[in-house]
Amino acid sequence: MREAGIAKPAKPATPHTLRHSFATRVLQVGYDIRMVQELLGHTHVETTMIYTHVPNGGARDVVRPLD
């Protein structure tokens, strides 16, 4: 990490952190909440919504890095 110029994170990444980041990003780029629910294997969409902290503005408020 030092060679890449990346600072040490406050806490280590866990599988849950990666799962959360993935779900949040997929929602940000415009995937439907039901698709994310299926990808994560959740039975109820409410679980997915809580888990991902669904952004209020949806994908239209997201600025993609390459835009």
N, C-alpha and C. Protein backbone atom coordinates (compact mmCIF):
# COMPACT_ATOMS: atom_id res chain seq x y z
N MET A 1 0.82 -1.18 0.00
CA MET A 1 0.00 0.00 0.00
C MET A 1 0.87 1.26 0.00
N ARG A 2 1.97 1.20 0.72
CA ARG A 2 2.84 2.37 0.80
C ARG A 2 3.37 2.74 -0.58
N GLU A 3 3.79 1.75 -1.35
CA GLU A 3 4.34 2.00 -2.68
C GLU A 3 3.31 2.63 -3.61
N ALA A 4 2.03 2.28 -3.41
CA ALA A 4 0.97 2.83 -4.25
C ALA A 4 0.48 4.19 -3.76
N GLY A 5 1.00 4.62 -2.59
CA GLY A 5 0.58 5.91 -2.05
C GLY A 5 -0.78 5.88 -1.38
N ILE A 6 -1.19 4.68 -0.95
CA ILE A 6 -2.49 4.53 -0.30
C ILE A 6 -2.26 4.54 1.21
N ALA A 7 -2.99 5.44 1.89
CA ALA A 7 -2.87 5.51 3.34
C ALA A 7 -3.51 4.28 3.98
N LYS A 8 -3.01 3.91 5.14
CA LYS A 8 -3.57 2.77 5.86
C LYS A 8 -5.00 3.10 6.28
N PRO A 9 -5.95 2.22 5.99
CA PRO A 9 -7.34 2.48 6.35
C PRO A 9 -7.53 2.48 7.86
N ALA A 10 -8.58 3.17 8.33
CA ALA A 10 -8.88 3.23 9.76
C ALA A 10 -9.17 1.84 10.31
N LYS A 11 -9.83 1.02 9.52
CA LYS A 11 -10.07 -0.36 9.93
C LYS A 11 -10.00 -1.24 8.70
N PRO A 12 -9.67 -2.51 8.86
CA PRO A 12 -9.50 -3.39 7.70
C PRO A 12 -10.82 -3.67 6.99
N ALA A 13 -10.73 -3.91 5.70
CA ALA A 13 -11.91 -4.28 4.92
C ALA A 13 -12.28 -5.72 5.24
N THR A 14 -13.56 -5.97 5.36
CA THR A 14 -14.07 -7.31 5.62
C THR A 14 -14.95 -7.72 4.45
N PRO A 15 -15.33 -8.98 4.37
CA PRO A 15 -16.26 -9.38 3.31
C PRO A 15 -17.56 -8.56 3.36
N HIS A 16 -18.02 -8.22 4.56
CA HIS A 16 -19.23 -7.40 4.69
C HIS A 16 -19.01 -6.01 4.08
N THR A 17 -17.84 -5.42 4.32
CA THR A 17 -17.51 -4.11 3.76
C THR A 17 -17.54 -4.16 2.24
N LEU A 18 -16.95 -5.18 1.67
CA LEU A 18 -16.91 -5.32 0.22
C LEU A 18 -18.31 -5.53 -0.35
N ARG A 19 -19.12 -6.33 0.32
CA ARG A 19 -20.49 -6.59 -0.10
C ARG A 19 -21.32 -5.31 -0.06
N HIS A 20 -21.16 -4.55 1.01
CA HIS A 20 -21.87 -3.29 1.16
C HIS A 20 -21.46 -2.31 0.06
N SER A 21 -20.16 -2.19 -0.16
CA SER A 21 -19.65 -1.28 -1.19
C SER A 21 -20.16 -1.66 -2.57
N PHE A 22 -20.14 -2.95 -2.86
CA PHE A 22 -20.64 -3.44 -4.15
C PHE A 22 -22.10 -3.07 -4.33
N ALA A 23 -22.92 -3.38 -3.33
CA ALA A 23 -24.36 -3.13 -3.42
C ALA A 23 -24.65 -1.64 -3.59
N THR A 24 -23.97 -0.82 -2.82
CA THR A 24 -24.18 0.62 -2.90
C THR A 24 -23.80 1.14 -4.28
N ARG A 25 -22.68 0.70 -4.78
CA ARG A 25 -22.22 1.18 -6.10
C ARG A 25 -23.15 0.74 -7.23
N VAL A 26 -23.64 -0.49 -7.16
CA VAL A 26 -24.53 -0.98 -8.21
C VAL A 26 -25.82 -0.15 -8.23
N LEU A 27 -26.29 0.22 -7.05
CA LEU A 27 -27.47 1.08 -6.99
C LEU A 27 -27.16 2.47 -7.54
N GLN A 28 -26.00 2.98 -7.23
CA GLN A 28 -25.61 4.32 -7.69
C GLN A 28 -25.54 4.41 -9.20
N VAL A 29 -25.12 3.36 -9.85
CA VAL A 29 -25.00 3.41 -11.31
C VAL A 29 -26.30 3.07 -12.02
N GLY A 30 -27.35 2.82 -11.23
CA GLY A 30 -28.66 2.71 -11.86
C GLY A 30 -29.33 1.36 -11.85
N TYR A 31 -28.73 0.35 -11.22
CA TYR A 31 -29.40 -0.94 -11.16
C TYR A 31 -30.63 -0.84 -10.27
N ASP A 32 -31.64 -1.60 -10.59
CA ASP A 32 -32.87 -1.65 -9.82
C ASP A 32 -32.62 -2.34 -8.49
N ILE A 33 -33.29 -1.88 -7.43
CA ILE A 33 -33.13 -2.46 -6.10
C ILE A 33 -33.46 -3.95 -6.09
N ARG A 34 -34.40 -4.37 -6.93
CA ARG A 34 -34.76 -5.80 -6.98
C ARG A 34 -33.63 -6.63 -7.56
N MET A 35 -32.90 -6.07 -8.51
CA MET A 35 -31.76 -6.78 -9.08
C MET A 35 -30.67 -6.95 -8.02
N VAL A 36 -30.42 -5.89 -7.25
CA VAL A 36 -29.42 -5.95 -6.19
C VAL A 36 -29.87 -6.96 -5.14
N GLN A 37 -31.16 -6.97 -4.83
CA GLN A 37 -31.71 -7.95 -3.88
C GLN A 37 -31.38 -9.36 -4.34
N GLU A 38 -31.60 -9.62 -5.62
CA GLU A 38 -31.32 -10.95 -6.17
C GLU A 38 -29.82 -11.26 -6.12
N LEU A 39 -29.00 -10.30 -6.48
CA LEU A 39 -27.56 -10.51 -6.47
C LEU A 39 -27.03 -10.83 -5.08
N LEU A 40 -27.61 -10.18 -4.06
CA LEU A 40 -27.16 -10.40 -2.69
C LEU A 40 -27.82 -11.61 -2.03
N GLY A 41 -28.88 -12.12 -2.65
CA GLY A 41 -29.55 -13.29 -2.11
C GLY A 41 -30.49 -12.99 -0.97
N HIS A 42 -30.97 -11.76 -0.91
CA HIS A 42 -31.91 -11.39 0.15
C HIS A 42 -33.33 -11.84 -0.21
N THR A 43 -34.07 -12.32 0.79
CA THR A 43 -35.45 -12.73 0.59
C THR A 43 -36.38 -11.52 0.49
N HIS A 44 -36.13 -10.52 1.32
CA HIS A 44 -37.00 -9.34 1.37
C HIS A 44 -36.24 -8.10 0.90
N VAL A 45 -36.90 -7.28 0.08
CA VAL A 45 -36.27 -6.07 -0.44
C VAL A 45 -35.96 -5.08 0.69
N GLU A 46 -36.71 -5.13 1.77
CA GLU A 46 -36.46 -4.25 2.91
C GLU A 46 -35.06 -4.48 3.47
N THR A 47 -34.63 -5.73 3.49
CA THR A 47 -33.29 -6.06 3.96
C THR A 47 -32.25 -5.40 3.07
N THR A 48 -32.46 -5.46 1.79
CA THR A 48 -31.52 -4.85 0.83
C THR A 48 -31.48 -3.35 1.01
N MET A 49 -32.62 -2.73 1.21
CA MET A 49 -32.67 -1.27 1.36
C MET A 49 -31.92 -0.81 2.61
N ILE A 50 -32.08 -1.52 3.70
CA ILE A 50 -31.38 -1.17 4.94
C ILE A 50 -29.89 -1.42 4.77
N TYR A 51 -29.57 -2.55 4.21
CA TYR A 51 -28.19 -2.99 4.04
C TYR A 51 -27.37 -2.03 3.20
N THR A 52 -27.98 -1.48 2.18
CA THR A 52 -27.24 -0.65 1.24
C THR A 52 -27.38 0.84 1.49
N HIS A 53 -28.24 1.24 2.42
CA HIS A 53 -28.48 2.67 2.66
C HIS A 53 -28.76 3.37 1.35
N VAL A 54 -29.84 2.98 0.72
CA VAL A 54 -30.20 3.44 -0.62
C VAL A 54 -30.13 4.96 -0.70
N PRO A 55 -29.39 5.48 -1.67
CA PRO A 55 -29.29 6.93 -1.84
C PRO A 55 -30.64 7.53 -2.21
N ASN A 56 -30.97 8.68 -1.66
CA ASN A 56 -32.26 9.32 -1.93
C ASN A 56 -32.42 9.76 -3.37
N GLY A 57 -31.37 10.31 -3.96
CA GLY A 57 -31.48 10.86 -5.30
C GLY A 57 -31.41 9.85 -6.41
N GLY A 58 -31.01 8.63 -6.11
CA GLY A 58 -30.87 7.63 -7.15
C GLY A 58 -29.66 7.90 -8.02
N ALA A 59 -29.63 7.26 -9.16
CA ALA A 59 -28.46 7.33 -10.04
C ALA A 59 -28.28 8.69 -10.69
N ARG A 60 -29.32 9.49 -10.82
CA ARG A 60 -29.19 10.77 -11.51
C ARG A 60 -28.30 11.75 -10.78
N ASP A 61 -28.10 11.59 -9.46
CA ASP A 61 -27.27 12.50 -8.69
C ASP A 61 -25.82 12.06 -8.61
N VAL A 62 -25.51 10.92 -9.18
CA VAL A 62 -24.16 10.38 -9.09
C VAL A 62 -23.31 10.89 -10.26
N VAL A 63 -22.12 11.35 -9.94
CA VAL A 63 -21.17 11.75 -10.99
C VAL A 63 -20.16 10.61 -11.10
N ARG A 64 -20.12 10.00 -12.26
CA ARG A 64 -19.17 8.90 -12.46
C ARG A 64 -17.76 9.46 -12.68
N PRO A 65 -16.77 8.74 -12.21
CA PRO A 65 -15.39 9.23 -12.27
C PRO A 65 -14.93 9.61 -13.69
N LEU A 66 -15.39 8.91 -14.70
CA LEU A 66 -14.91 9.18 -16.06
C LEU A 66 -15.73 10.22 -16.80
N ASP A 67 -16.78 10.73 -16.20
CA ASP A 67 -17.61 11.76 -16.86
C ASP A 67 -17.03 13.14 -16.65
